[in-house]
Amino acid sequence: MQDSCNCKFFAIAVDNINTKMEYSFGKILKELREDKGILQSALGEILNVANNTISSWERNNSEPSIEQLRIIAKYFGVTGCFLLGLEN
């Protein structure tokens, strides 16, 4: 599966990638959510996951699936590569 920024989604070990980057998926997700003015519980309802799942993602304790990344990117109007910190 390819994203519009032409990065390929592999079986991603997001935590391994993000430890080398200034902006982790969790930090990016939290900033997007806060910029939109929604609570973790509201985002969880939108994405059909528990709010503690959103919290876990934002703390980089777990990662969403590739399908969930696609849905998150579409919801916030960004690319999957942006969510992963691979583009500005």
N, C-alpha and C. Protein backbone atom coordinates (compact mmCIF):
# COMPACT_ATOMS: atom_id res chain seq x y z
N MET A 1 0.84 -1.17 0.00
CA MET A 1 0.00 0.00 0.00
C MET A 1 0.88 1.23 0.00
N GLN A 2 0.60 2.20 -0.88
CA GLN A 2 1.37 3.42 -0.93
C GLN A 2 0.54 4.60 -0.50
N ASP A 3 1.19 5.54 0.16
CA ASP A 3 0.56 6.76 0.59
C ASP A 3 0.83 7.83 -0.46
N SER A 4 0.11 8.93 -0.41
CA SER A 4 0.27 9.97 -1.41
C SER A 4 1.65 10.61 -1.38
N CYS A 5 2.40 10.47 -0.30
CA CYS A 5 3.75 11.04 -0.25
C CYS A 5 4.78 10.02 -0.75
N ASN A 6 4.31 8.93 -1.31
CA ASN A 6 5.14 7.88 -1.90
C ASN A 6 6.00 7.11 -0.91
N CYS A 7 5.69 7.19 0.38
CA CYS A 7 6.40 6.31 1.31
C CYS A 7 5.63 5.00 1.37
N LYS A 8 6.33 3.91 1.46
CA LYS A 8 5.68 2.60 1.53
C LYS A 8 5.49 2.23 2.98
N PHE A 9 4.31 1.70 3.26
CA PHE A 9 4.04 1.22 4.61
C PHE A 9 4.48 -0.24 4.68
N PHE A 10 5.52 -0.45 5.44
CA PHE A 10 5.99 -1.81 5.67
C PHE A 10 5.32 -2.31 6.94
N ALA A 11 5.66 -3.50 7.35
CA ALA A 11 5.24 -3.94 8.68
C ALA A 11 6.05 -3.06 9.61
N ILE A 12 5.47 -1.92 9.94
CA ILE A 12 6.22 -0.83 10.56
C ILE A 12 6.47 -1.09 12.04
N ALA A 13 7.71 -0.91 12.41
CA ALA A 13 8.05 -0.85 13.82
C ALA A 13 8.17 0.63 14.13
N VAL A 14 7.02 1.28 14.28
CA VAL A 14 6.98 2.72 14.43
C VAL A 14 7.84 3.18 15.60
N ASP A 15 7.85 2.41 16.66
CA ASP A 15 8.65 2.84 17.81
C ASP A 15 10.13 2.88 17.46
N ASN A 16 10.61 1.99 16.61
CA ASN A 16 12.02 2.01 16.21
C ASN A 16 12.32 3.22 15.35
N ILE A 17 11.42 3.56 14.46
CA ILE A 17 11.61 4.73 13.61
C ILE A 17 11.54 5.99 14.46
N ASN A 18 10.52 6.08 15.31
CA ASN A 18 10.27 7.31 16.05
C ASN A 18 11.31 7.62 17.11
N THR A 19 12.04 6.62 17.60
CA THR A 19 13.05 6.92 18.60
C THR A 19 14.18 7.74 17.99
N LYS A 20 14.30 7.74 16.67
CA LYS A 20 15.35 8.48 15.99
C LYS A 20 14.85 9.83 15.49
N MET A 21 13.56 10.13 15.67
CA MET A 21 13.00 11.35 15.13
C MET A 21 12.54 12.27 16.24
N GLU A 22 12.56 13.57 15.95
CA GLU A 22 12.11 14.56 16.91
C GLU A 22 10.61 14.44 17.16
N TYR A 23 9.85 14.18 16.11
CA TYR A 23 8.40 14.09 16.24
C TYR A 23 7.95 12.66 16.08
N SER A 24 7.43 12.11 17.15
CA SER A 24 6.92 10.74 17.12
C SER A 24 5.46 10.76 16.68
N PHE A 25 4.97 9.60 16.29
CA PHE A 25 3.56 9.48 15.92
C PHE A 25 2.69 9.99 17.06
N GLY A 26 3.00 9.59 18.29
CA GLY A 26 2.19 9.99 19.43
C GLY A 26 2.12 11.50 19.61
N LYS A 27 3.26 12.15 19.48
CA LYS A 27 3.31 13.61 19.63
C LYS A 27 2.52 14.28 18.51
N ILE A 28 2.67 13.78 17.31
CA ILE A 28 1.94 14.35 16.17
C ILE A 28 0.44 14.16 16.34
N LEU A 29 0.03 12.95 16.74
CA LEU A 29 -1.39 12.69 16.94
C LEU A 29 -1.96 13.61 18.02
N LYS A 30 -1.25 13.75 19.12
CA LYS A 30 -1.73 14.60 20.20
C LYS A 30 -1.87 16.04 19.74
N GLU A 31 -0.88 16.55 19.01
CA GLU A 31 -0.95 17.93 18.51
C GLU A 31 -2.12 18.12 17.55
N LEU A 32 -2.32 17.16 16.65
CA LEU A 32 -3.46 17.24 15.73
C LEU A 32 -4.78 17.24 16.48
N ARG A 33 -4.89 16.35 17.45
CA ARG A 33 -6.12 16.24 18.24
C ARG A 33 -6.38 17.53 19.02
N GLU A 34 -5.36 18.04 19.67
CA GLU A 34 -5.53 19.26 20.46
C GLU A 34 -5.82 20.46 19.57
N ASP A 35 -5.17 20.53 18.40
CA ASP A 35 -5.44 21.63 17.46
C ASP A 35 -6.89 21.63 17.01
N LYS A 36 -7.46 20.43 16.91
CA LYS A 36 -8.85 20.29 16.50
C LYS A 36 -9.81 20.50 17.68
N GLY A 37 -9.25 20.55 18.89
CA GLY A 37 -10.03 20.80 20.09
C GLY A 37 -10.91 19.65 20.52
N ILE A 38 -10.44 18.43 20.32
CA ILE A 38 -11.25 17.27 20.72
C ILE A 38 -10.52 16.45 21.79
N LEU A 39 -11.30 15.84 22.64
CA LEU A 39 -10.78 14.99 23.71
C LEU A 39 -10.40 13.62 23.16
N GLN A 40 -9.56 12.91 23.92
CA GLN A 40 -9.20 11.54 23.55
C GLN A 40 -10.45 10.68 23.41
N SER A 41 -11.41 10.86 24.30
CA SER A 41 -12.63 10.05 24.25
C SER A 41 -13.42 10.31 22.96
N ALA A 42 -13.47 11.57 22.53
CA ALA A 42 -14.18 11.90 21.29
C ALA A 42 -13.46 11.31 20.08
N LEU A 43 -12.14 11.39 20.06
CA LEU A 43 -11.39 10.80 18.95
C LEU A 43 -11.55 9.29 18.95
N GLY A 44 -11.56 8.70 20.14
CA GLY A 44 -11.78 7.26 20.25
C GLY A 44 -13.12 6.85 19.65
N GLU A 45 -14.16 7.63 19.92
CA GLU A 45 -15.48 7.34 19.34
C GLU A 45 -15.45 7.46 17.82
N ILE A 46 -14.79 8.50 17.33
CA ILE A 46 -14.70 8.71 15.88
C ILE A 46 -13.98 7.55 15.21
N LEU A 47 -12.91 7.06 15.85
CA LEU A 47 -12.08 5.99 15.28
C LEU A 47 -12.54 4.60 15.71
N ASN A 48 -13.57 4.56 16.56
CA ASN A 48 -14.11 3.30 17.06
C ASN A 48 -13.08 2.49 17.86
N VAL A 49 -12.35 3.23 18.72
CA VAL A 49 -11.41 2.60 19.66
C VAL A 49 -11.64 3.23 21.02
N ALA A 50 -11.17 2.57 22.07
CA ALA A 50 -11.31 3.09 23.43
C ALA A 50 -10.41 4.31 23.61
N ASN A 51 -10.83 5.22 24.49
CA ASN A 51 -10.01 6.41 24.71
C ASN A 51 -8.65 6.05 25.32
N ASN A 52 -8.57 4.93 26.05
CA ASN A 52 -7.25 4.54 26.56
C ASN A 52 -6.34 4.06 25.43
N THR A 53 -6.92 3.65 24.31
CA THR A 53 -6.12 3.31 23.13
C THR A 53 -5.48 4.58 22.57
N ILE A 54 -6.26 5.65 22.49
CA ILE A 54 -5.73 6.94 22.02
C ILE A 54 -4.61 7.38 22.94
N SER A 55 -4.81 7.27 24.23
CA SER A 55 -3.79 7.64 25.21
C SER A 55 -2.52 6.82 25.00
N SER A 56 -2.67 5.54 24.78
CA SER A 56 -1.52 4.66 24.55
C SER A 56 -0.77 5.05 23.29
N TRP A 57 -1.50 5.40 22.24
CA TRP A 57 -0.85 5.85 21.00
C TRP A 57 -0.09 7.15 21.24
N GLU A 58 -0.73 8.08 21.95
CA GLU A 58 -0.09 9.38 22.19
C GLU A 58 1.14 9.27 23.07
N ARG A 59 1.20 8.27 23.92
CA ARG A 59 2.39 8.04 24.76
C ARG A 59 3.39 7.11 24.08
N ASN A 60 3.11 6.71 22.83
CA ASN A 60 3.97 5.81 22.07
C ASN A 60 4.16 4.46 22.74
N ASN A 61 3.13 4.02 23.47
CA ASN A 61 3.17 2.70 24.09
C ASN A 61 2.62 1.62 23.16
N SER A 62 1.88 2.03 22.16
CA SER A 62 1.39 1.11 21.14
C SER A 62 1.17 1.91 19.87
N GLU A 63 0.93 1.21 18.78
CA GLU A 63 0.75 1.85 17.49
C GLU A 63 -0.55 1.37 16.84
N PRO A 64 -1.16 2.25 16.06
CA PRO A 64 -2.35 1.83 15.32
C PRO A 64 -1.96 0.92 14.17
N SER A 65 -2.94 0.19 13.68
CA SER A 65 -2.70 -0.64 12.50
C SER A 65 -2.57 0.26 11.27
N ILE A 66 -2.13 -0.30 10.19
CA ILE A 66 -2.02 0.47 8.94
C ILE A 66 -3.38 1.01 8.53
N GLU A 67 -4.42 0.21 8.67
CA GLU A 67 -5.76 0.67 8.33
C GLU A 67 -6.18 1.82 9.24
N GLN A 68 -5.87 1.72 10.52
CA GLN A 68 -6.19 2.81 11.44
C GLN A 68 -5.41 4.07 11.09
N LEU A 69 -4.15 3.92 10.69
CA LEU A 69 -3.35 5.08 10.25
C LEU A 69 -4.02 5.77 9.07
N ARG A 70 -4.52 4.99 8.14
CA ARG A 70 -5.21 5.55 6.97
C ARG A 70 -6.42 6.36 7.40
N ILE A 71 -7.20 5.82 8.32
CA ILE A 71 -8.41 6.50 8.80
C ILE A 71 -8.04 7.77 9.56
N ILE A 72 -7.02 7.70 10.40
CA ILE A 72 -6.57 8.87 11.16
C ILE A 72 -6.10 9.96 10.20
N ALA A 73 -5.30 9.58 9.22
CA ALA A 73 -4.79 10.55 8.24
C ALA A 73 -5.94 11.22 7.50
N LYS A 74 -6.91 10.44 7.08
CA LYS A 74 -8.06 11.00 6.37
C LYS A 74 -8.84 11.95 7.27
N TYR A 75 -9.06 11.56 8.51
CA TYR A 75 -9.82 12.39 9.45
C TYR A 75 -9.15 13.75 9.65
N PHE A 76 -7.83 13.74 9.83
CA PHE A 76 -7.12 14.99 10.09
C PHE A 76 -6.67 15.71 8.81
N GLY A 77 -6.87 15.10 7.66
CA GLY A 77 -6.50 15.73 6.40
C GLY A 77 -5.00 15.82 6.19
N VAL A 78 -4.29 14.78 6.63
CA VAL A 78 -2.84 14.71 6.47
C VAL A 78 -2.49 13.37 5.81
N THR A 79 -1.25 13.20 5.46
CA THR A 79 -0.82 11.92 4.89
C THR A 79 -0.35 10.98 5.99
N GLY A 80 -0.29 9.71 5.65
CA GLY A 80 0.28 8.73 6.56
C GLY A 80 1.72 9.04 6.87
N CYS A 81 2.45 9.51 5.87
CA CYS A 81 3.85 9.87 6.08
C CYS A 81 3.98 11.00 7.08
N PHE A 82 3.08 11.97 7.01
CA PHE A 82 3.10 13.06 7.99
C PHE A 82 2.87 12.51 9.39
N LEU A 83 1.89 11.63 9.54
CA LEU A 83 1.60 11.04 10.85
C LEU A 83 2.80 10.31 11.43
N LEU A 84 3.58 9.71 10.57
CA LEU A 84 4.74 8.95 11.03
C LEU A 84 5.98 9.81 11.19
N GLY A 85 5.85 11.12 10.91
CA GLY A 85 6.97 12.02 11.05
C GLY A 85 7.97 11.94 9.92
N LEU A 86 7.52 11.41 8.77
CA LEU A 86 8.42 11.23 7.63
C LEU A 86 8.37 12.40 6.66
N GLU A 87 7.46 13.33 6.87
CA GLU A 87 7.40 14.54 6.06
C GLU A 87 6.86 15.67 6.91
N ASN A 88 7.13 16.90 6.48
CA ASN A 88 6.65 18.08 7.22
C ASN A 88 5.27 18.47 6.77
